[in-house]
Amino acid sequence: MWPFRYCPECGSKLTTETCSHCLPCRVCGLIHYNNAKPCAGVLIVRDGRLLLARRAGDPQKGAWDAVGGFLRPDEHPEDAAVREAREETGLHVRLKEISGIYIDTYGTDRIYTLNIYYTAEADLGDPVPASDVSELKWFDPSAPPSHLAFKHQEGLLKDFFSQMEKQTY
């Protein structure tokens, strides 16, 4: 699904007749690629438990989600993960390693996303939910949440909790 049908550069109608993953404008020549939008997330661990956020808005309002979001232009994924942790939880985190990379879709427009997750430790203190988060909760690996916001997160949590069994956080 393409987010637009007309070229944002010249306003001409775009067609997918020649390419399934790009929209070349036949008038001005600009090519629009249907590639994944980069996202960064952080898996904050404390005392063997994982911090997750309940979404306060759509898409997937009320579902549990990893802390994270879309990258800003020219933002490194590590910087985005730290920024999102601070914005959504109020916590300052130290990234440890990449936990995994997952492809998924977002919203009703099914925008493709490339989700890069890092494991992290947080400074002491209680997390405080931001306006886009209705609740923050620490989950034990033996009792993960049942209603996750995005399809890829089932694999993310399975992989992460498996990694936790092998390491000490």
C-alpha atoms as a PDB file:
ATOM      1  CA  MET A   1       0.000   0.000   0.000  1.00  0.00           C
ATOM      2  CA  TRP A   2       1.429   3.335  -1.041  1.00  0.00           C
ATOM      3  CA  PRO A   3       1.000   6.400   1.190  1.00  0.00           C
ATOM      4  CA  PHE A   4       0.291   8.643  -1.816  1.00  0.00           C
ATOM      5  CA  ARG A   5      -0.985   8.435  -5.386  1.00  0.00           C
ATOM      6  CA  TYR A   6       0.446  11.697  -6.693  1.00  0.00           C
ATOM      7  CA  CYS A   7       4.055  12.821  -6.920  1.00  0.00           C
ATOM      8  CA  PRO A   8       4.858  15.146  -4.009  1.00  0.00           C
ATOM      9  CA  GLU A   9       7.376  16.911  -6.259  1.00  0.00           C
ATOM     10  CA  CYS A  10       5.235  17.804  -9.311  1.00  0.00           C
ATOM     11  CA  GLY A  11       1.703  16.573  -8.512  1.00  0.00           C
ATOM     12  CA  SER A  12       1.469  14.068 -11.403  1.00  0.00           C
ATOM     13  CA  LYS A  13      -0.421  10.782 -10.957  1.00  0.00           C
ATOM     14  CA  LEU A  14       1.849   7.861 -10.063  1.00  0.00           C
ATOM     15  CA  THR A  15       1.400   4.268 -11.263  1.00  0.00           C
ATOM     16  CA  THR A  16       2.935   0.970 -10.163  1.00  0.00           C
ATOM     17  CA  GLU A  17       2.878  -0.545 -13.651  1.00  0.00           C
ATOM     18  CA  THR A  18       6.663  -0.687 -14.039  1.00  0.00           C
ATOM     19  CA  CYS A  19       7.861  -1.446 -10.520  1.00  0.00           C
ATOM     20  CA  SER A  20       6.369  -3.248  -7.515  1.00  0.00           C
ATOM     21  CA  HIS A  21       8.613  -1.588  -4.894  1.00  0.00           C
ATOM     22  CA  CYS A  22       8.972   1.917  -6.317  1.00  0.00           C
ATOM     23  CA  LEU A  23       6.866   4.638  -7.893  1.00  0.00           C
ATOM     24  CA  PRO A  24       8.704   6.424 -10.663  1.00  0.00           C
ATOM     25  CA  CYS A  25       7.151   9.718 -11.716  1.00  0.00           C
ATOM     26  CA  ARG A  26       6.915   9.751 -15.497  1.00  0.00           C
ATOM     27  CA  VAL A  27       6.754  13.552 -15.543  1.00  0.00           C
ATOM     28  CA  CYS A  28       9.600  14.791 -13.302  1.00  0.00           C
ATOM     29  CA  GLY A  29      11.582  11.524 -12.989  1.00  0.00           C
ATOM     30  CA  LEU A  30      11.629  11.397  -9.187  1.00  0.00           C
ATOM     31  CA  ILE A  31      11.512   7.819  -7.865  1.00  0.00           C
ATOM     32  CA  HIS A  32       9.599   7.080  -4.651  1.00  0.00           C
ATOM     33  CA  TYR A  33      10.669   3.821  -2.950  1.00  0.00           C
ATOM     34  CA  ASN A  34       8.324   1.728  -0.825  1.00  0.00           C
ATOM     35  CA  ASN A  35      10.955   0.818   1.745  1.00  0.00           C
ATOM     36  CA  ALA A  36      10.704   0.158   5.451  1.00  0.00           C
ATOM     37  CA  LYS A  37      10.738   3.089   7.870  1.00  0.00           C
ATOM     38  CA  PRO A  38      13.495   2.716  10.493  1.00  0.00           C
ATOM     39  CA  CYS A  39      12.483   2.344  14.130  1.00  0.00           C
ATOM     40  CA  ALA A  40      14.513   1.821  17.290  1.00  0.00           C
ATOM     41  CA  GLY A  41      13.401   0.210  20.504  1.00  0.00           C
ATOM     42  CA  VAL A  42      14.933  -0.475  23.860  1.00  0.00           C
ATOM     43  CA  LEU A  43      14.412  -3.497  26.081  1.00  0.00           C
ATOM     44  CA  ILE A  44      15.001  -2.082  29.554  1.00  0.00           C
ATOM     45  CA  VAL A  45      15.923  -4.737  32.091  1.00  0.00           C
ATOM     46  CA  ARG A  46      16.028  -4.427  35.868  1.00  0.00           C
ATOM     47  CA  ASP A  47      16.299  -7.280  38.366  1.00  0.00           C
ATOM     48  CA  GLY A  48      15.632  -9.833  35.611  1.00  0.00           C
ATOM     49  CA  ARG A  49      12.390  -8.167  34.520  1.00  0.00           C
ATOM     50  CA  LEU A  50      11.547  -6.336  31.283  1.00  0.00           C
ATOM     51  CA  LEU A  51       9.817  -2.940  31.166  1.00  0.00           C
ATOM     52  CA  LEU A  52       6.980  -2.645  28.622  1.00  0.00           C
ATOM     53  CA  ALA A  53       4.578   0.180  27.825  1.00  0.00           C
ATOM     54  CA  ARG A  54       0.818  -0.011  27.323  1.00  0.00           C
ATOM     55  CA  ARG A  55      -0.141   2.111  24.296  1.00  0.00           C
ATOM     56  CA  ALA A  56      -2.403   5.066  25.079  1.00  0.00           C
ATOM     57  CA  GLY A  57      -3.387   5.678  21.455  1.00  0.00           C
ATOM     58  CA  ASP A  58      -3.818   4.074  18.083  1.00  0.00           C
ATOM     59  CA  PRO A  59      -2.604   2.023  16.456  1.00  0.00           C
ATOM     60  CA  GLN A  60      -3.162  -0.830  18.888  1.00  0.00           C
ATOM     61  CA  LYS A  61      -4.428   1.259  21.786  1.00  0.00           C
ATOM     62  CA  GLY A  62      -4.283  -0.724  25.040  1.00  0.00           C
ATOM     63  CA  ALA A  63      -1.771  -3.303  23.811  1.00  0.00           C
ATOM     64  CA  TRP A  64       1.651  -3.856  25.376  1.00  0.00           C
ATOM     65  CA  ASP A  65       4.568  -2.505  23.396  1.00  0.00           C
ATOM     66  CA  ALA A  66       8.326  -2.278  23.646  1.00  0.00           C
ATOM     67  CA  VAL A  67       9.605   1.210  24.370  1.00  0.00           C
ATOM     68  CA  GLY A  68      10.605   2.796  21.057  1.00  0.00           C
ATOM     69  CA  GLY A  69       9.570   4.650  17.958  1.00  0.00           C
ATOM     70  CA  PHE A  70      10.470   6.029  14.554  1.00  0.00           C
ATOM     71  CA  LEU A  71      13.897   7.506  13.883  1.00  0.00           C
ATOM     72  CA  ARG A  72      14.172  11.201  13.140  1.00  0.00           C
ATOM     73  CA  PRO A  73      15.976  12.245   9.935  1.00  0.00           C
ATOM     74  CA  ASP A  74      19.742  11.651  10.299  1.00  0.00           C
ATOM     75  CA  GLU A  75      19.286  10.057  13.752  1.00  0.00           C
ATOM     76  CA  HIS A  76      21.352   6.982  14.599  1.00  0.00           C
ATOM     77  CA  PRO A  77      19.273   4.059  15.928  1.00  0.00           C
ATOM     78  CA  GLU A  78      21.261   4.042  19.208  1.00  0.00           C
ATOM     79  CA  ASP A  79      20.448   7.709  19.784  1.00  0.00           C
ATOM     80  CA  ALA A  80      16.779   7.086  18.939  1.00  0.00           C
ATOM     81  CA  ALA A  81      16.562   4.187  21.407  1.00  0.00           C
ATOM     82  CA  VAL A  82      18.005   6.328  24.228  1.00  0.00           C
ATOM     83  CA  ARG A  83      15.739   9.263  23.285  1.00  0.00           C
ATOM     84  CA  GLU A  84      12.601   7.100  23.150  1.00  0.00           C
ATOM     85  CA  ALA A  85      13.402   5.552  26.541  1.00  0.00           C
ATOM     86  CA  ARG A  86      13.749   9.015  28.092  1.00  0.00           C
ATOM     87  CA  GLU A  87      10.607  10.341  26.365  1.00  0.00           C
ATOM     88  CA  GLU A  88       8.334   7.365  27.142  1.00  0.00           C
ATOM     89  CA  THR A  89       9.595   6.388  30.613  1.00  0.00           C
ATOM     90  CA  GLY A  90      11.634   9.294  31.982  1.00  0.00           C
ATOM     91  CA  LEU A  91      14.529   6.871  32.505  1.00  0.00           C
ATOM     92  CA  HIS A  92      18.094   7.402  31.330  1.00  0.00           C
ATOM     93  CA  VAL A  93      19.417   4.163  29.844  1.00  0.00           C
ATOM     94  CA  ARG A  94      22.772   2.670  28.907  1.00  0.00           C
ATOM     95  CA  LEU A  95      22.600   0.465  25.826  1.00  0.00           C
ATOM     96  CA  LYS A  96      24.345  -2.881  26.095  1.00  0.00           C
ATOM     97  CA  GLU A  97      23.909  -4.618  22.731  1.00  0.00           C
ATOM     98  CA  ILE A  98      21.604  -5.136  19.790  1.00  0.00           C
ATOM     99  CA  SER A  99      18.924  -7.582  20.823  1.00  0.00           C
ATOM    100  CA  GLY A 100      17.410  -8.147  17.366  1.00  0.00           C
ATOM    101  CA  ILE A 101      16.141  -6.694  14.107  1.00  0.00           C
ATOM    102  CA  TYR A 102      12.576  -7.330  12.933  1.00  0.00           C
ATOM    103  CA  ILE A 103      10.403  -6.308   9.977  1.00  0.00           C
ATOM    104  CA  ASP A 104       6.719  -5.528  10.476  1.00  0.00           C
ATOM    105  CA  THR A 105       3.961  -3.126   9.464  1.00  0.00           C
ATOM    106  CA  TYR A 106       2.487  -0.150  11.315  1.00  0.00           C
ATOM    107  CA  GLY A 107      -1.016   1.271  11.342  1.00  0.00           C
ATOM    108  CA  THR A 108      -3.930   0.827   8.986  1.00  0.00           C
ATOM    109  CA  ASP A 109      -1.823   2.013   6.030  1.00  0.00           C
ATOM    110  CA  ARG A 110       0.472  -0.956   6.717  1.00  0.00           C
ATOM    111  CA  ILE A 111       3.647   1.108   6.530  1.00  0.00           C
ATOM    112  CA  TYR A 112       6.601  -1.260   6.545  1.00  0.00           C
ATOM    113  CA  THR A 113       8.969  -0.853   9.502  1.00  0.00           C
ATOM    114  CA  LEU A 114      12.512  -2.026  10.210  1.00  0.00           C
ATOM    115  CA  ASN A 115      12.689  -2.374  13.995  1.00  0.00           C
ATOM    116  CA  ILE A 116      16.111  -2.401  15.682  1.00  0.00           C
ATOM    117  CA  TYR A 117      16.073  -3.319  19.377  1.00  0.00           C
ATOM    118  CA  TYR A 118      18.760  -2.827  21.997  1.00  0.00           C
ATOM    119  CA  THR A 119      19.010  -4.240  25.499  1.00  0.00           C
ATOM    120  CA  ALA A 120      19.628  -1.598  28.129  1.00  0.00           C
ATOM    121  CA  GLU A 121      20.024  -0.925  31.807  1.00  0.00           C
ATOM    122  CA  ALA A 122      18.312   2.086  33.380  1.00  0.00           C
ATOM    123  CA  ASP A 123      19.358   4.443  36.116  1.00  0.00           C
ATOM    124  CA  LEU A 124      17.644   3.930  39.432  1.00  0.00           C
ATOM    125  CA  GLY A 125      14.249   5.471  39.864  1.00  0.00           C
ATOM    126  CA  ASP A 126      10.708   4.686  38.942  1.00  0.00           C
ATOM    127  CA  PRO A 127       9.622   4.946  35.313  1.00  0.00           C
ATOM    128  CA  VAL A 128       6.928   7.531  34.591  1.00  0.00           C
ATOM    129  CA  PRO A 129       4.626   7.019  31.575  1.00  0.00           C
ATOM    130  CA  ALA A 130       4.536   9.757  28.940  1.00  0.00           C
ATOM    131  CA  SER A 131       1.313  11.000  27.317  1.00  0.00           C
ATOM    132  CA  ASP A 132       1.450   8.290  24.622  1.00  0.00           C
ATOM    133  CA  VAL A 133       1.817   5.567  27.287  1.00  0.00           C
ATOM    134  CA  SER A 134      -1.074   4.666  29.603  1.00  0.00           C
ATOM    135  CA  GLU A 135       0.942   2.335  31.837  1.00  0.00           C
ATOM    136  CA  LEU A 136       4.463   1.018  32.352  1.00  0.00           C
ATOM    137  CA  LYS A 137       4.984  -2.421  33.881  1.00  0.00           C
ATOM    138  CA  TRP A 138       7.887  -4.725  34.656  1.00  0.00           C
ATOM    139  CA  PHE A 139       7.322  -8.254  33.286  1.00  0.00           C
ATOM    140  CA  ASP A 140       8.907 -11.430  34.538  1.00  0.00           C
ATOM    141  CA  PRO A 141      10.066 -13.849  31.800  1.00  0.00           C
ATOM    142  CA  SER A 142       7.719 -16.510  33.207  1.00  0.00           C
ATOM    143  CA  ALA A 143       4.666 -14.241  32.789  1.00  0.00           C
ATOM    144  CA  PRO A 144       4.935 -12.151  29.604  1.00  0.00           C
ATOM    145  CA  PRO A 145       1.963 -10.056  28.454  1.00  0.00           C
ATOM    146  CA  SER A 146      -0.612 -11.716  26.222  1.00  0.00           C
ATOM    147  CA  HIS A 147      -1.743  -8.772  24.082  1.00  0.00           C
ATOM    148  CA  LEU A 148       1.211  -7.306  22.178  1.00  0.00           C
ATOM    149  CA  ALA A 149       0.924  -4.277  19.921  1.00  0.00           C
ATOM    150  CA  PHE A 150       2.699  -5.604  16.833  1.00  0.00           C
ATOM    151  CA  LYS A 151       3.110  -9.000  15.227  1.00  0.00           C
ATOM    152  CA  HIS A 152       6.922  -9.054  15.358  1.00  0.00           C
ATOM    153  CA  GLN A 153       6.947  -8.542  19.123  1.00  0.00           C
ATOM    154  CA  GLU A 154       5.960 -12.120  19.861  1.00  0.00           C
ATOM    155  CA  GLY A 155       9.237 -13.229  18.286  1.00  0.00           C
ATOM    156  CA  LEU A 156      11.074 -10.329  19.908  1.00  0.00           C
ATOM    157  CA  LEU A 157       9.997 -11.341  23.421  1.00  0.00           C
ATOM    158  CA  LYS A 158      10.590 -15.026  22.769  1.00  0.00           C
ATOM    159  CA  ASP A 159      14.113 -14.287  21.502  1.00  0.00           C
ATOM    160  CA  PHE A 160      14.802 -11.806  24.290  1.00  0.00           C
ATOM    161  CA  PHE A 161      13.662 -14.033  27.141  1.00  0.00           C
ATOM    162  CA  SER A 162      15.688 -16.888  25.635  1.00  0.00           C
ATOM    163  CA  GLN A 163      18.753 -14.587  25.625  1.00  0.00           C
ATOM    164  CA  MET A 164      18.021 -13.602  29.236  1.00  0.00           C
ATOM    165  CA  GLU A 165      18.215 -17.250  30.313  1.00  0.00           C
ATOM    166  CA  LYS A 166      21.768 -17.391  28.944  1.00  0.00           C
ATOM    167  CA  GLN A 167      22.963 -14.074  30.401  1.00  0.00           C
ATOM    168  CA  THR A 168      22.784 -12.117  33.608  1.00  0.00           C
ATOM    169  CA  TYR A 169      21.141  -8.699  33.482  1.00  0.00           C
END
